[in-house]
Amino acid sequence: MKYVLLTLAAIVVLVGAWFGYWALAQANQTAQYGVNTNGQQYQSGLVSQERDRIAGYDKALDPAQKAQIKVTFCQVFPDLKPAPTDLVQANARICF
């Protein structure tokens, strides 16, 4: 009986440690994502990409292509921090 209780206690500790490890790993991943996506270099690249996307939207003739560009732009726009005025205007024009 003593060994059964020790075994169960060991299993509980191991399972708890396993869940704790994954919770910490997830928290670290989330923090790292925040650092990467809020950096000036990342934001600069994102702004450039979205400006190109809006230019493509304005030039596109195919309604399906315009719709896909619209969906993608409207999904990415909230990640722009802070969003430049031209992209805020494009968001108001396209996404609403």
PDB file of N, CA and C in Angstrom:
ATOM      1  N   MET A   1       0.814  -1.195   0.000  1.00  0.00           N
ATOM      2  CA  MET A   1       0.000   0.000   0.000  1.00  0.00           C
ATOM      3  C   MET A   1       0.860   1.262   0.000  1.00  0.00           C
ATOM      4  N   LYS A   2       1.935   1.208   0.752  1.00  0.00           N
ATOM      5  CA  LYS A   2       2.843   2.336   0.837  1.00  0.00           C
ATOM      6  C   LYS A   2       3.431   2.666  -0.539  1.00  0.00           C
ATOM      7  N   TYR A   3       3.809   1.632  -1.306  1.00  0.00           N
ATOM      8  CA  TYR A   3       4.405   1.847  -2.625  1.00  0.00           C
ATOM      9  C   TYR A   3       3.378   2.374  -3.627  1.00  0.00           C
ATOM     10  N   VAL A   4       2.141   1.965  -3.466  1.00  0.00           N
ATOM     11  CA  VAL A   4       1.077   2.454  -4.358  1.00  0.00           C
ATOM     12  C   VAL A   4       0.878   3.954  -4.145  1.00  0.00           C
ATOM     13  N   LEU A   5       0.848   4.383  -2.883  1.00  0.00           N
ATOM     14  CA  LEU A   5       0.684   5.794  -2.577  1.00  0.00           C
ATOM     15  C   LEU A   5       1.886   6.619  -3.055  1.00  0.00           C
ATOM     16  N   LEU A   6       3.080   6.078  -2.888  1.00  0.00           N
ATOM     17  CA  LEU A   6       4.274   6.771  -3.365  1.00  0.00           C
ATOM     18  C   LEU A   6       4.264   6.869  -4.894  1.00  0.00           C
ATOM     19  N   THR A   7       3.829   5.814  -5.547  1.00  0.00           N
ATOM     20  CA  THR A   7       3.751   5.813  -7.008  1.00  0.00           C
ATOM     21  C   THR A   7       2.729   6.839  -7.488  1.00  0.00           C
ATOM     22  N   LEU A   8       1.561   6.858  -6.841  1.00  0.00           N
ATOM     23  CA  LEU A   8       0.542   7.835  -7.207  1.00  0.00           C
ATOM     24  C   LEU A   8       1.024   9.265  -6.964  1.00  0.00           C
ATOM     25  N   ALA A   9       1.706   9.481  -5.852  1.00  0.00           N
ATOM     26  CA  ALA A   9       2.238  10.807  -5.552  1.00  0.00           C
ATOM     27  C   ALA A   9       3.276  11.218  -6.593  1.00  0.00           C
ATOM     28  N   ALA A  10       4.118  10.279  -7.000  1.00  0.00           N
ATOM     29  CA  ALA A  10       5.127  10.567  -8.022  1.00  0.00           C
ATOM     30  C   ALA A  10       4.464  10.902  -9.359  1.00  0.00           C
ATOM     31  N   ILE A  11       3.399  10.187  -9.697  1.00  0.00           N
ATOM     32  CA  ILE A  11       2.687  10.448 -10.951  1.00  0.00           C
ATOM     33  C   ILE A  11       2.052  11.837 -10.911  1.00  0.00           C
ATOM     34  N   VAL A  12       1.446  12.178  -9.788  1.00  0.00           N
ATOM     35  CA  VAL A  12       0.821  13.500  -9.650  1.00  0.00           C
ATOM     36  C   VAL A  12       1.872  14.598  -9.797  1.00  0.00           C
ATOM     37  N   VAL A  13       3.023  14.419  -9.166  1.00  0.00           N
ATOM     38  CA  VAL A  13       4.091  15.412  -9.255  1.00  0.00           C
ATOM     39  C   VAL A  13       4.591  15.523 -10.692  1.00  0.00           C
ATOM     40  N   LEU A  14       4.784  14.400 -11.368  1.00  0.00           N
ATOM     41  CA  LEU A  14       5.273  14.425 -12.753  1.00  0.00           C
ATOM     42  C   LEU A  14       4.269  15.077 -13.691  1.00  0.00           C
ATOM     43  N   VAL A  15       3.004  14.729 -13.544  1.00  0.00           N
ATOM     44  CA  VAL A  15       1.974  15.327 -14.409  1.00  0.00           C
ATOM     45  C   VAL A  15       1.881  16.830 -14.130  1.00  0.00           C
ATOM     46  N   GLY A  16       1.926  17.220 -12.863  1.00  0.00           N
ATOM     47  CA  GLY A  16       1.900  18.644 -12.515  1.00  0.00           C
ATOM     48  C   GLY A  16       3.100  19.383 -13.085  1.00  0.00           C
ATOM     49  N   ALA A  17       4.262  18.773 -13.009  1.00  0.00           N
ATOM     50  CA  ALA A  17       5.469  19.393 -13.567  1.00  0.00           C
ATOM     51  C   ALA A  17       5.351  19.522 -15.082  1.00  0.00           C
ATOM     52  N   TRP A  18       4.783  18.506 -15.709  1.00  0.00           N
ATOM     53  CA  TRP A  18       4.621  18.539 -17.165  1.00  0.00           C
ATOM     54  C   TRP A  18       3.688  19.688 -17.564  1.00  0.00           C
ATOM     55  N   PHE A  19       2.540  19.829 -16.894  1.00  0.00           N
ATOM     56  CA  PHE A  19       1.627  20.928 -17.192  1.00  0.00           C
ATOM     57  C   PHE A  19       2.267  22.280 -16.878  1.00  0.00           C
ATOM     58  N   GLY A  20       3.008  22.348 -15.800  1.00  0.00           N
ATOM     59  CA  GLY A  20       3.700  23.588 -15.451  1.00  0.00           C
ATOM     60  C   GLY A  20       4.719  23.982 -16.503  1.00  0.00           C
ATOM     61  N   TYR A  21       5.461  23.002 -17.008  1.00  0.00           N
ATOM     62  CA  TYR A  21       6.453  23.268 -18.059  1.00  0.00           C
ATOM     63  C   TYR A  21       5.765  23.855 -19.285  1.00  0.00           C
ATOM     64  N   TRP A  22       4.676  23.231 -19.719  1.00  0.00           N
ATOM     65  CA  TRP A  22       4.003  23.706 -20.931  1.00  0.00           C
ATOM     66  C   TRP A  22       3.349  25.071 -20.706  1.00  0.00           C
ATOM     67  N   ALA A  23       2.869  25.359 -19.518  1.00  0.00           N
ATOM     68  CA  ALA A  23       2.309  26.678 -19.230  1.00  0.00           C
ATOM     69  C   ALA A  23       3.405  27.747 -19.306  1.00  0.00           C
ATOM     70  N   LEU A  24       4.567  27.460 -18.742  1.00  0.00           N
ATOM     71  CA  LEU A  24       5.682  28.407 -18.818  1.00  0.00           C
ATOM     72  C   LEU A  24       6.187  28.568 -20.249  1.00  0.00           C
ATOM     73  N   ALA A  25       6.247  27.472 -20.982  1.00  0.00           N
ATOM     74  CA  ALA A  25       6.694  27.536 -22.374  1.00  0.00           C
ATOM     75  C   ALA A  25       5.733  28.392 -23.195  1.00  0.00           C
ATOM     76  N   GLN A  26       4.426  28.242 -22.965  1.00  0.00           N
ATOM     77  CA  GLN A  26       3.432  29.042 -23.681  1.00  0.00           C
ATOM     78  C   GLN A  26       3.561  30.522 -23.318  1.00  0.00           C
ATOM     79  N   ALA A  27       3.756  30.813 -22.057  1.00  0.00           N
ATOM     80  CA  ALA A  27       3.918  32.205 -21.624  1.00  0.00           C
ATOM     81  C   ALA A  27       5.159  32.822 -22.260  1.00  0.00           C
ATOM     82  N   ASN A  28       6.239  32.070 -22.320  1.00  0.00           N
ATOM     83  CA  ASN A  28       7.465  32.555 -22.937  1.00  0.00           C
ATOM     84  C   ASN A  28       7.264  32.799 -24.428  1.00  0.00           C
ATOM     85  N   GLN A  29       6.580  31.888 -25.086  1.00  0.00           N
ATOM     86  CA  GLN A  29       6.314  32.032 -26.524  1.00  0.00           C
ATOM     87  C   GLN A  29       5.483  33.284 -26.791  1.00  0.00           C
ATOM     88  N   THR A  30       4.469  33.519 -25.975  1.00  0.00           N
ATOM     89  CA  THR A  30       3.615  34.689 -26.131  1.00  0.00           C
ATOM     90  C   THR A  30       4.420  35.968 -25.909  1.00  0.00           C
ATOM     91  N   ALA A  31       5.259  35.976 -24.902  1.00  0.00           N
ATOM     92  CA  ALA A  31       6.082  37.153 -24.630  1.00  0.00           C
ATOM     93  C   ALA A  31       7.054  37.400 -25.777  1.00  0.00           C
ATOM     94  N   GLN A  32       7.654  36.347 -26.304  1.00  0.00           N
ATOM     95  CA  GLN A  32       8.604  36.490 -27.414  1.00  0.00           C
ATOM     96  C   GLN A  32       7.893  37.011 -28.656  1.00  0.00           C
ATOM     97  N   TYR A  33       6.660  36.541 -28.918  1.00  0.00           N
ATOM     98  CA  TYR A  33       5.887  37.029 -30.058  1.00  0.00           C
ATOM     99  C   TYR A  33       5.633  38.521 -29.917  1.00  0.00           C
ATOM    100  N   GLY A  34       5.297  38.951 -28.702  1.00  0.00           N
ATOM    101  CA  GLY A  34       5.057  40.368 -28.466  1.00  0.00           C
ATOM    102  C   GLY A  34       6.297  41.204 -28.714  1.00  0.00           C
ATOM    103  N   VAL A  35       7.451  40.721 -28.317  1.00  0.00           N
ATOM    104  CA  VAL A  35       8.705  41.432 -28.549  1.00  0.00           C
ATOM    105  C   VAL A  35       8.991  41.516 -30.040  1.00  0.00           C
ATOM    106  N   ASN A  36       8.801  40.422 -30.754  1.00  0.00           N
ATOM    107  CA  ASN A  36       9.099  40.391 -32.183  1.00  0.00           C
ATOM    108  C   ASN A  36       8.144  41.242 -33.004  1.00  0.00           C
ATOM    109  N   THR A  37       6.857  41.214 -32.683  1.00  0.00           N
ATOM    110  CA  THR A  37       5.887  41.921 -33.512  1.00  0.00           C
ATOM    111  C   THR A  37       5.771  43.400 -33.195  1.00  0.00           C
ATOM    112  N   ASN A  38       6.308  43.849 -32.085  1.00  0.00           N
ATOM    113  CA  ASN A  38       6.233  45.267 -31.758  1.00  0.00           C
ATOM    114  C   ASN A  38       7.542  46.001 -32.025  1.00  0.00           C
ATOM    115  N   GLY A  39       8.530  45.295 -32.564  1.00  0.00           N
ATOM    116  CA  GLY A  39       9.808  45.924 -32.860  1.00  0.00           C
ATOM    117  C   GLY A  39       9.697  46.869 -34.046  1.00  0.00           C
ATOM    118  N   GLN A  40      10.543  47.882 -34.054  1.00  0.00           N
ATOM    119  CA  GLN A  40      10.497  48.897 -35.109  1.00  0.00           C
ATOM    120  C   GLN A  40      10.771  48.295 -36.486  1.00  0.00           C
ATOM    121  N   GLN A  41      11.723  47.387 -36.582  1.00  0.00           N
ATOM    122  CA  GLN A  41      12.045  46.788 -37.876  1.00  0.00           C
ATOM    123  C   GLN A  41      10.880  45.963 -38.397  1.00  0.00           C
ATOM    124  N   TYR A  42      10.228  45.185 -37.533  1.00  0.00           N
ATOM    125  CA  TYR A  42       9.080  44.382 -37.937  1.00  0.00           C
ATOM    126  C   TYR A  42       7.946  45.290 -38.399  1.00  0.00           C
ATOM    127  N   GLN A  43       7.651  46.333 -37.625  1.00  0.00           N
ATOM    128  CA  GLN A  43       6.562  47.246 -37.970  1.00  0.00           C
ATOM    129  C   GLN A  43       6.841  47.966 -39.282  1.00  0.00           C
ATOM    130  N   SER A  44       8.087  48.348 -39.507  1.00  0.00           N
ATOM    131  CA  SER A  44       8.455  49.020 -40.751  1.00  0.00           C
ATOM    132  C   SER A  44       8.205  48.108 -41.957  1.00  0.00           C
ATOM    133  N   GLY A  45       8.600  46.855 -41.825  1.00  0.00           N
ATOM    134  CA  GLY A  45       8.357  45.897 -42.902  1.00  0.00           C
ATOM    135  C   GLY A  45       6.881  45.641 -43.122  1.00  0.00           C
ATOM    136  N   LEU A  46       6.129  45.579 -42.043  1.00  0.00           N
ATOM    137  CA  LEU A  46       4.695  45.344 -42.127  1.00  0.00           C
ATOM    138  C   LEU A  46       3.989  46.521 -42.804  1.00  0.00           C
ATOM    139  N   VAL A  47       4.395  47.734 -42.476  1.00  0.00           N
ATOM    140  CA  VAL A  47       3.801  48.922 -43.098  1.00  0.00           C
ATOM    141  C   VAL A  47       4.085  48.913 -44.596  1.00  0.00           C
ATOM    142  N   SER A  48       5.310  48.617 -44.963  1.00  0.00           N
ATOM    143  CA  SER A  48       5.667  48.559 -46.383  1.00  0.00           C
ATOM    144  C   SER A  48       4.853  47.492 -47.115  1.00  0.00           C
ATOM    145  N   GLN A  49       4.727  46.340 -46.501  1.00  0.00           N
ATOM    146  CA  GLN A  49       3.956  45.239 -47.094  1.00  0.00           C
ATOM    147  C   GLN A  49       2.499  45.638 -47.290  1.00  0.00           C
ATOM    148  N   GLU A  50       1.925  46.300 -46.302  1.00  0.00           N
ATOM    149  CA  GLU A  50       0.513  46.678 -46.397  1.00  0.00           C
ATOM    150  C   GLU A  50       0.299  47.801 -47.402  1.00  0.00           C
ATOM    151  N   ARG A  51       1.263  48.696 -47.536  1.00  0.00           N
ATOM    152  CA  ARG A  51       1.163  49.730 -48.583  1.00  0.00           C
ATOM    153  C   ARG A  51       1.183  49.088 -49.964  1.00  0.00           C
ATOM    154  N   ASP A  52       2.030  48.100 -50.146  1.00  0.00           N
ATOM    155  CA  ASP A  52       2.062  47.368 -51.415  1.00  0.00           C
ATOM    156  C   ASP A  52       0.741  46.643 -51.654  1.00  0.00           C
ATOM    157  N   ARG A  53       0.188  46.090 -50.592  1.00  0.00           N
ATOM    158  CA  ARG A  53      -1.078  45.369 -50.708  1.00  0.00           C
ATOM    159  C   ARG A  53      -2.203  46.318 -51.152  1.00  0.00           C
ATOM    160  N   ILE A  54      -2.243  47.530 -50.587  1.00  0.00           N
ATOM    161  CA  ILE A  54      -3.263  48.514 -50.966  1.00  0.00           C
ATOM    162  C   ILE A  54      -3.065  48.954 -52.410  1.00  0.00           C
ATOM    163  N   ALA A  55      -1.825  49.136 -52.820  1.00  0.00           N
ATOM    164  CA  ALA A  55      -1.564  49.484 -54.220  1.00  0.00           C
ATOM    165  C   ALA A  55      -2.067  48.376 -55.144  1.00  0.00           C
ATOM    166  N   GLY A  56      -1.848  47.133 -54.760  1.00  0.00           N
ATOM    167  CA  GLY A  56      -2.346  46.000 -55.544  1.00  0.00           C
ATOM    168  C   GLY A  56      -3.867  45.955 -55.570  1.00  0.00           C
ATOM    169  N   TYR A  57      -4.483  46.300 -54.461  1.00  0.00           N
ATOM    170  CA  TYR A  57      -5.949  46.332 -54.392  1.00  0.00           C
ATOM    171  C   TYR A  57      -6.500  47.383 -55.350  1.00  0.00           C
ATOM    172  N   ASP A  58      -5.868  48.552 -55.354  1.00  0.00           N
ATOM    173  CA  ASP A  58      -6.339  49.637 -56.208  1.00  0.00           C
ATOM    174  C   ASP A  58      -6.152  49.324 -57.695  1.00  0.00           C
ATOM    175  N   LYS A  59      -5.141  48.527 -58.031  1.00  0.00           N
ATOM    176  CA  LYS A  59      -4.867  48.195 -59.432  1.00  0.00           C
ATOM    177  C   LYS A  59      -5.607  46.946 -59.906  1.00  0.00           C
ATOM    178  N   ALA A  60      -6.031  46.111 -58.981  1.00  0.00           N
ATOM    179  CA  ALA A  60      -6.649  44.830 -59.356  1.00  0.00           C
ATOM    180  C   ALA A  60      -7.978  45.056 -60.065  1.00  0.00           C
ATOM    181  N   LEU A  61      -8.211  44.264 -61.104  1.00  0.00           N
ATOM    182  CA  LEU A  61      -9.457  44.328 -61.855  1.00  0.00           C
ATOM    183  C   LEU A  61     -10.379  43.166 -61.516  1.00  0.00           C
ATOM    184  N   ASP A  62      -9.795  42.051 -61.125  1.00  0.00           N
ATOM    185  CA  ASP A  62     -10.563  40.838 -60.821  1.00  0.00           C
ATOM    186  C   ASP A  62     -11.224  40.983 -59.438  1.00  0.00           C
ATOM    187  N   PRO A  63     -12.553  40.861 -59.371  1.00  0.00           N
ATOM    188  CA  PRO A  63     -13.238  40.999 -58.080  1.00  0.00           C
ATOM    189  C   PRO A  63     -12.787  39.977 -57.031  1.00  0.00           C
ATOM    190  N   ALA A  64     -12.481  38.770 -57.458  1.00  0.00           N
ATOM    191  CA  ALA A  64     -12.024  37.751 -56.506  1.00  0.00           C
ATOM    192  C   ALA A  64     -10.661  38.132 -55.927  1.00  0.00           C
ATOM    193  N   GLN A  65      -9.793  38.669 -56.771  1.00  0.00           N
ATOM    194  CA  GLN A  65      -8.472  39.092 -56.303  1.00  0.00           C
ATOM    195  C   GLN A  65      -8.613  40.259 -55.322  1.00  0.00           C
ATOM    196  N   LYS A  66      -9.479  41.208 -55.650  1.00  0.00           N
ATOM    197  CA  LYS A  66      -9.712  42.340 -54.743  1.00  0.00           C
ATOM    198  C   LYS A  66     -10.267  41.864 -53.404  1.00  0.00           C
ATOM    199  N   ALA A  67     -11.168  40.897 -53.460  1.00  0.00           N
ATOM    200  CA  ALA A  67     -11.752  40.371 -52.226  1.00  0.00           C
ATOM    201  C   ALA A  67     -10.693  39.709 -51.349  1.00  0.00           C
ATOM    202  N   GLN A  68      -9.786  38.951 -51.969  1.00  0.00           N
ATOM    203  CA  GLN A  68      -8.736  38.281 -51.200  1.00  0.00           C
ATOM    204  C   GLN A  68      -7.761  39.289 -50.597  1.00  0.00           C
ATOM    205  N   ILE A  69      -7.409  40.301 -51.359  1.00  0.00           N
ATOM    206  CA  ILE A  69      -6.521  41.344 -50.835  1.00  0.00           C
ATOM    207  C   ILE A  69      -7.194  42.056 -49.669  1.00  0.00           C
ATOM    208  N   LYS A  70      -8.489  42.329 -49.810  1.00  0.00           N
ATOM    209  CA  LYS A  70      -9.260  42.990 -48.744  1.00  0.00           C
ATOM    210  C   LYS A  70      -9.240  42.160 -47.466  1.00  0.00           C
ATOM    211  N   VAL A  71      -9.506  40.865 -47.585  1.00  0.00           N
ATOM    212  CA  VAL A  71      -9.526  39.986 -46.409  1.00  0.00           C
ATOM    213  C   VAL A  71      -8.172  39.999 -45.712  1.00  0.00           C
ATOM    214  N   THR A  72      -7.116  39.857 -46.484  1.00  0.00           N
ATOM    215  CA  THR A  72      -5.772  39.805 -45.906  1.00  0.00           C
ATOM    216  C   THR A  72      -5.406  41.136 -45.242  1.00  0.00           C
ATOM    217  N   PHE A  73      -5.674  42.247 -45.932  1.00  0.00           N
ATOM    218  CA  PHE A  73      -5.345  43.555 -45.368  1.00  0.00           C
ATOM    219  C   PHE A  73      -6.108  43.791 -44.069  1.00  0.00           C
ATOM    220  N   CYS A  74      -7.391  43.479 -44.064  1.00  0.00           N
ATOM    221  CA  CYS A  74      -8.217  43.727 -42.883  1.00  0.00           C
ATOM    222  C   CYS A  74      -7.813  42.841 -41.699  1.00  0.00           C
ATOM    223  N   GLN A  75      -7.221  41.692 -41.980  1.00  0.00           N
ATOM    224  CA  GLN A  75      -6.730  40.832 -40.899  1.00  0.00           C
ATOM    225  C   GLN A  75      -5.414  41.348 -40.334  1.00  0.00           C
ATOM    226  N   VAL A  76      -4.555  41.884 -41.180  1.00  0.00           N
ATOM    227  CA  VAL A  76      -3.225  42.322 -40.757  1.00  0.00           C
ATOM    228  C   VAL A  76      -3.265  43.727 -40.150  1.00  0.00           C
ATOM    229  N   PHE A  77      -4.192  44.563 -40.575  1.00  0.00           N
ATOM    230  CA  PHE A  77      -4.228  45.958 -40.145  1.00  0.00           C
ATOM    231  C   PHE A  77      -4.155  46.141 -38.621  1.00  0.00           C
ATOM    232  N   PRO A  78      -4.874  45.364 -37.809  1.00  0.00           N
ATOM    233  CA  PRO A  78      -4.791  45.569 -36.353  1.00  0.00           C
ATOM    234  C   PRO A  78      -3.385  45.366 -35.765  1.00  0.00           C
ATOM    235  N   ASP A  79      -2.499  44.689 -36.494  1.00  0.00           N
ATOM    236  CA  ASP A  79      -1.138  44.476 -36.001  1.00  0.00           C
ATOM    237  C   ASP A  79      -0.244  45.694 -36.194  1.00  0.00           C
ATOM    238  N   LEU A  80      -0.707  46.681 -36.943  1.00  0.00           N
ATOM    239  CA  LEU A  80       0.089  47.890 -37.165  1.00  0.00           C
ATOM    240  C   LEU A  80      -0.027  48.790 -35.942  1.00  0.00           C
ATOM    241  N   LYS A  81       1.107  49.033 -35.294  1.00  0.00           N
ATOM    242  CA  LYS A  81       1.117  49.827 -34.059  1.00  0.00           C
ATOM    243  C   LYS A  81       2.273  50.811 -34.095  1.00  0.00           C
ATOM    244  N   PRO A  82       2.051  52.055 -34.275  1.00  0.00           N
ATOM    245  CA  PRO A  82       0.816  52.729 -34.675  1.00  0.00           C
ATOM    246  C   PRO A  82       0.666  52.659 -36.183  1.00  0.00           C
ATOM    247  N   ALA A  83      -0.554  52.697 -36.654  1.00  0.00           N
ATOM    248  CA  ALA A  83      -0.827  52.635 -38.088  1.00  0.00           C
ATOM    249  C   ALA A  83      -0.640  54.017 -38.708  1.00  0.00           C
ATOM    250  N   PRO A  84       0.080  54.089 -39.836  1.00  0.00           N
ATOM    251  CA  PRO A  84       0.238  55.379 -40.518  1.00  0.00           C
ATOM    252  C   PRO A  84      -1.109  55.883 -41.051  1.00  0.00           C
ATOM    253  N   THR A  85      -1.198  57.169 -41.247  1.00  0.00           N
ATOM    254  CA  THR A  85      -2.450  57.800 -41.665  1.00  0.00           C
ATOM    255  C   THR A  85      -2.977  57.221 -42.973  1.00  0.00           C
ATOM    256  N   ASP A  86      -2.085  56.993 -43.951  1.00  0.00           N
ATOM    257  CA  ASP A  86      -2.560  56.483 -45.241  1.00  0.00           C
ATOM    258  C   ASP A  86      -3.177  55.092 -45.097  1.00  0.00           C
ATOM    259  N   LEU A  87      -2.630  54.279 -44.203  1.00  0.00           N
ATOM    260  CA  LEU A  87      -3.196  52.942 -44.019  1.00  0.00           C
ATOM    261  C   LEU A  87      -4.475  52.996 -43.182  1.00  0.00           C
ATOM    262  N   VAL A  88      -4.592  53.969 -42.283  1.00  0.00           N
ATOM    263  CA  VAL A  88      -5.848  54.148 -41.536  1.00  0.00           C
ATOM    264  C   VAL A  88      -6.953  54.541 -42.522  1.00  0.00           C
ATOM    265  N   GLN A  89      -6.629  55.424 -43.453  1.00  0.00           N
ATOM    266  CA  GLN A  89      -7.597  55.828 -44.463  1.00  0.00           C
ATOM    267  C   GLN A  89      -7.969  54.657 -45.367  1.00  0.00           C
ATOM    268  N   ALA A  90      -6.980  53.853 -45.744  1.00  0.00           N
ATOM    269  CA  ALA A  90      -7.252  52.678 -46.576  1.00  0.00           C
ATOM    270  C   ALA A  90      -8.120  51.689 -45.816  1.00  0.00           C
ATOM    271  N   ASN A  91      -7.862  51.522 -44.530  1.00  0.00           N
ATOM    272  CA  ASN A  91      -8.684  50.639 -43.714  1.00  0.00           C
ATOM    273  C   ASN A  91     -10.135  51.112 -43.677  1.00  0.00           C
ATOM    274  N   ALA A  92     -10.338  52.405 -43.509  1.00  0.00           N
ATOM    275  CA  ALA A  92     -11.688  52.969 -43.480  1.00  0.00           C
ATOM    276  C   ALA A  92     -12.376  52.789 -44.833  1.00  0.00           C
ATOM    277  N   ARG A  93     -11.614  52.870 -45.901  1.00  0.00           N
ATOM    278  CA  ARG A  93     -12.170  52.763 -47.253  1.00  0.00           C
ATOM    279  C   ARG A  93     -12.480  51.326 -47.623  1.00  0.00           C
ATOM    280  N   ILE A  94     -11.622  50.403 -47.213  1.00  0.00           N
ATOM    281  CA  ILE A  94     -11.732  49.016 -47.687  1.00  0.00           C
ATOM    282  C   ILE A  94     -12.438  48.094 -46.702  1.00  0.00           C
ATOM    283  N   CYS A  95     -12.132  48.210 -45.435  1.00  0.00           N
ATOM    284  CA  CYS A  95     -12.590  47.223 -44.463  1.00  0.00           C
ATOM    285  C   CYS A  95     -13.980  47.485 -43.914  1.00  0.00           C
ATOM    286  N   PHE A  96     -14.502  48.692 -44.083  1.00  0.00           N
ATOM    287  CA  PHE A  96     -15.813  48.985 -43.509  1.00  0.00           C
ATOM    288  C   PHE A  96     -16.851  49.204 -44.571  1.00  0.00           C
TER     289      PHE A  96
END
